[in-house]
């Protein structure tokens, strides 16, 4: 019985070690997640303390991203001709949007957030309508209440676009700080998992087995 329990514990330890190794290989490095969390927290802090200037800079960066992404999509047509029509349209739209943002930085810093608020409002109406339909189909009153609140939220955004634009930097800033803090915590958790996996499977052992003395 003891031998069987020892064999089971060895197999379990080997399985956990292999799972930890696969998780480590499939996931991002912990230090990259840490850097992303720090960057998100810093951007969120800037959005809360200096919303206008930070939003202006972020939209200019977004314009550069659209321009470069559009150019890459156009170039990718010559490398892979599949779906070339969609690539051409997406690339042309990206280049056009990037040029407009970079040529008119002041207007774009107001127009882009307004478009984003309108998209959020339309999304709230659509999701709210879907939730209400699901509630009438018997999914429960809870999802119906969430659907009604989503519709109200969408209507508020659509009828008060400029208020949404004024509040948007603060919402994004809060999301950046919370998300950045969560990413930093996850990064340190990943680091501790990697250290635990290295302790369970030290160098010189194979397949999660025990090192044999010479």
Protein backbone atom coordinates (compact mmCIF):
# COMPACT_ATOMS: atom_id res chain seq x y z
CA UNK A 1 0.00 0.00 0.00
CA UNK A 2 2.80 2.42 0.86
CA UNK A 3 4.57 1.67 -2.43
CA UNK A 4 1.37 2.33 -4.37
CA UNK A 5 0.81 5.62 -2.54
CA UNK A 6 4.40 6.65 -3.23
CA UNK A 7 3.99 5.81 -6.93
CA UNK A 8 0.75 7.78 -7.07
CA UNK A 9 2.36 10.79 -5.38
CA UNK A 10 5.32 10.63 -7.79
CA UNK A 11 2.99 10.47 -10.79
CA UNK A 12 0.95 13.35 -9.40
CA UNK A 13 4.07 15.43 -8.82
CA UNK A 14 5.34 14.67 -12.34
CA UNK A 15 1.94 15.63 -13.80
CA UNK A 16 1.85 18.92 -11.86
CA UNK A 17 5.41 19.70 -12.94
CA UNK A 18 4.60 19.01 -16.58
CA UNK A 19 1.45 21.16 -16.32
CA UNK A 20 3.45 24.02 -14.79
CA UNK A 21 6.02 23.74 -17.57
CA UNK A 22 3.33 23.81 -20.28
CA UNK A 23 1.67 26.80 -18.62
CA UNK A 24 4.99 28.62 -18.41
CA UNK A 25 5.73 27.94 -22.08
CA UNK A 26 2.25 28.97 -23.25
CA UNK A 27 1.96 32.16 -21.22
CA UNK A 28 3.76 35.47 -21.53
CA UNK A 29 6.93 36.06 -19.48
CA UNK A 30 6.13 37.45 -16.05
CA UNK A 31 8.36 40.47 -16.55
CA UNK A 32 6.46 41.43 -19.73
CA UNK A 33 3.15 41.29 -17.84
CA UNK A 34 4.78 43.40 -15.11
CA UNK A 35 5.89 46.04 -17.61
CA UNK A 36 2.42 46.14 -19.18
CA UNK A 37 0.86 46.57 -15.74
CA UNK A 38 3.23 49.38 -14.80
CA UNK A 39 2.61 51.13 -18.14
CA UNK A 40 -1.17 50.82 -17.75
CA UNK A 41 -1.03 52.17 -14.19
CA UNK A 42 1.15 55.13 -15.22
CA UNK A 43 -1.14 56.00 -18.15
CA UNK A 44 -4.17 55.71 -15.87
CA UNK A 45 -2.53 58.03 -13.35
CA UNK A 46 -1.78 60.58 -16.07
CA UNK A 47 -5.37 60.35 -17.34
CA UNK A 48 -6.68 61.17 -13.85
CA UNK A 49 -4.23 63.99 -13.14
CA UNK A 50 -3.90 65.54 -16.63
CA UNK A 51 -6.78 64.15 -18.72
CA UNK A 52 -6.67 66.65 -21.58
CA UNK A 53 -2.96 66.47 -22.38
CA UNK A 54 -2.77 62.69 -21.86
CA UNK A 55 -5.78 62.04 -24.10
CA UNK A 56 -4.26 64.30 -26.75
CA UNK A 57 -0.99 62.33 -26.74
CA UNK A 58 -2.77 58.96 -26.72
CA UNK A 59 -4.88 59.91 -29.75
CA UNK A 60 -1.76 60.98 -31.65
CA UNK A 61 -0.18 57.62 -30.83
CA UNK A 62 -3.39 55.96 -32.04
CA UNK A 63 -3.14 57.92 -35.29
CA UNK A 64 0.42 56.70 -35.84
CA UNK A 65 -0.72 53.15 -35.07
CA UNK A 66 -3.55 53.38 -37.63
CA UNK A 67 -1.21 54.81 -40.28
CA UNK A 68 1.51 52.18 -39.79
CA UNK A 69 -1.06 49.37 -39.53
CA UNK A 70 -2.70 50.48 -42.76
CA UNK A 71 0.64 50.54 -44.57
CA UNK A 72 1.46 47.03 -43.33
CA UNK A 73 -1.93 45.76 -44.51
CA UNK A 74 -1.30 47.19 -47.99
CA UNK A 75 2.15 45.61 -48.10
CA UNK A 76 0.75 42.26 -46.91
CA UNK A 77 -1.35 42.05 -50.09
CA UNK A 78 1.83 41.46 -52.12
CA UNK A 79 2.90 38.70 -49.73
CA UNK A 80 -0.47 36.96 -49.40
CA UNK A 81 -3.20 37.64 -51.96
CA UNK A 82 -5.95 35.91 -49.98
CA UNK A 83 -8.77 38.31 -49.02
CA UNK A 84 -6.86 41.08 -50.78
CA UNK A 85 -10.00 43.20 -51.15
CA UNK A 86 -10.67 43.35 -47.39
CA UNK A 87 -6.99 44.01 -46.75
CA UNK A 88 -7.01 46.85 -49.27
CA UNK A 89 -10.11 48.46 -47.72
CA UNK A 90 -8.79 48.05 -44.15
CA UNK A 91 -5.39 49.40 -45.14
CA UNK A 92 -6.83 52.40 -46.97
CA UNK A 93 -9.13 53.23 -44.05
CA UNK A 94 -6.24 52.90 -41.59
CA UNK A 95 -3.99 55.17 -43.64
CA UNK A 96 -6.79 57.73 -44.11
CA UNK A 97 -7.70 57.74 -40.41
CA UNK A 98 -4.05 58.06 -39.38
CA UNK A 99 -3.45 60.98 -41.74
CA UNK A 100 -6.61 62.78 -40.55
CA UNK A 101 -5.65 62.35 -36.89
CA UNK A 102 -2.09 63.53 -37.44
CA UNK A 103 -3.07 66.44 -39.71
CA UNK A 104 -5.79 67.71 -37.36
CA UNK A 105 -4.62 66.89 -33.82
CA UNK A 106 -6.94 69.32 -32.02
CA UNK A 107 -10.11 68.22 -33.78
CA UNK A 108 -9.16 64.56 -33.57
CA UNK A 109 -8.64 64.80 -29.81
CA UNK A 110 -12.34 65.76 -29.56
CA UNK A 111 -13.79 63.79 -32.47
CA UNK A 112 -12.22 60.39 -31.73
CA UNK A 113 -13.50 60.25 -28.12
CA UNK A 114 -16.94 61.38 -29.32
CA UNK A 115 -17.06 58.56 -31.87
CA UNK A 116 -15.95 56.13 -29.18
CA UNK A 117 -18.73 57.32 -26.86
CA UNK A 118 -21.31 56.94 -29.66
CA UNK A 119 -20.08 53.39 -30.34
CA UNK A 120 -20.39 52.57 -26.62
CA UNK A 121 -23.92 53.98 -26.60
CA UNK A 122 -24.98 51.90 -29.62
CA UNK A 123 -23.35 48.84 -28.08
CA UNK A 124 -25.28 49.44 -24.84
CA UNK A 125 -28.58 49.61 -26.77
CA UNK A 126 -27.85 46.43 -28.74
CA UNK A 127 -26.69 44.41 -25.73
CA UNK A 128 -29.60 45.69 -23.66
CA UNK A 129 -32.10 44.66 -26.33
CA UNK A 130 -30.54 41.20 -26.57
CA UNK A 131 -30.71 40.80 -22.78
CA UNK A 132 -34.37 41.84 -22.72
CA UNK A 133 -35.23 39.31 -25.43
CA UNK A 134 -33.41 36.61 -23.50
CA UNK A 135 -35.33 37.60 -20.36
CA UNK A 136 -38.67 37.24 -22.18
CA UNK A 137 -37.53 33.81 -23.37
CA UNK A 138 -37.24 32.69 -19.76
CA UNK A 139 -33.62 33.41 -18.88
CA UNK A 140 -34.66 35.23 -15.69
CA UNK A 141 -35.48 38.75 -14.55
CA UNK A 142 -31.90 39.43 -13.55
CA UNK A 143 -30.69 39.53 -17.13
CA UNK A 144 -33.73 41.64 -18.01
CA UNK A 145 -32.82 44.24 -15.38
CA UNK A 146 -29.25 44.32 -16.69
CA UNK A 147 -30.62 44.77 -20.19
CA UNK A 148 -32.78 47.70 -19.12
CA UNK A 149 -29.85 49.34 -17.36
CA UNK A 150 -27.70 48.81 -20.46
CA UNK A 151 -30.33 50.50 -22.62
CA UNK A 152 -30.56 53.45 -20.23
CA UNK A 153 -26.75 53.71 -20.23
CA UNK A 154 -26.68 53.68 -24.03
CA UNK A 155 -29.37 56.36 -24.28
CA UNK A 156 -27.54 58.57 -21.77
CA UNK A 157 -24.36 58.31 -23.82
CA UNK A 158 -26.09 58.99 -27.13
CA UNK A 159 -28.03 62.02 -25.88
CA UNK A 160 -25.11 63.41 -23.85
CA UNK A 161 -22.11 62.71 -26.06
CA UNK A 162 -20.01 65.62 -24.84
CA UNK A 163 -20.60 64.73 -21.20
CA UNK A 164 -19.41 61.24 -22.06
CA UNK A 165 -16.34 62.70 -23.75
CA UNK A 166 -15.56 64.76 -20.63
CA UNK A 167 -15.98 61.75 -18.32
CA UNK A 168 -14.22 59.25 -20.61
CA UNK A 169 -10.60 60.11 -19.58
CA UNK A 170 -11.41 59.61 -15.91
CA UNK A 171 -13.11 56.27 -16.59
CA UNK A 172 -10.16 55.12 -18.70
CA UNK A 173 -7.78 56.33 -16.01
CA UNK A 174 -9.55 54.35 -13.30
CA UNK A 175 -9.64 51.27 -15.52
CA UNK A 176 -5.93 51.68 -16.28
CA UNK A 177 -4.97 51.91 -12.61
CA UNK A 178 -7.13 48.95 -11.58
CA UNK A 179 -6.08 46.85 -14.57
CA UNK A 180 -2.43 47.78 -14.14
CA UNK A 181 -2.50 46.84 -10.46
CA UNK A 182 -4.13 43.51 -11.31
CA UNK A 183 -1.51 42.84 -14.00
CA UNK A 184 1.32 43.62 -11.54
CA UNK A 185 -0.19 41.20 -9.00
CA UNK A 186 -0.56 38.51 -11.69
CA UNK A 187 3.06 39.06 -12.77
CA UNK A 188 4.39 38.42 -9.26
CA UNK A 189 2.10 35.37 -8.96
CA UNK A 190 3.54 34.03 -12.23
CA UNK A 191 7.05 34.64 -10.92
CA UNK A 192 6.33 32.66 -7.74
CA UNK A 193 4.83 29.83 -9.83
CA UNK A 194 7.96 29.72 -12.00
CA UNK A 195 10.16 29.56 -8.91
CA UNK A 196 7.97 26.83 -7.44
CA UNK A 197 8.17 24.84 -10.66
CA UNK A 198 11.96 25.17 -10.75
CA UNK A 199 12.16 23.92 -7.15
CA UNK A 200 9.90 20.95 -7.88
CA UNK A 201 11.83 20.07 -11.05
CA UNK A 202 15.50 21.04 -10.51
CA UNK A 203 18.16 20.79 -13.20
CA UNK A 204 19.40 17.28 -13.78
CA UNK A 205 16.06 15.50 -13.29
CA UNK A 206 14.01 14.17 -16.19
CA UNK A 207 10.24 13.69 -16.35
CA UNK A 208 9.67 15.00 -12.83
CA UNK A 209 11.60 12.09 -11.27
CA UNK A 210 13.87 12.25 -8.25
CA UNK A 211 17.57 12.89 -8.65
CA UNK A 212 19.58 9.77 -7.95
CA UNK A 213 22.74 10.13 -5.88
CA UNK A 214 25.99 9.17 -7.61
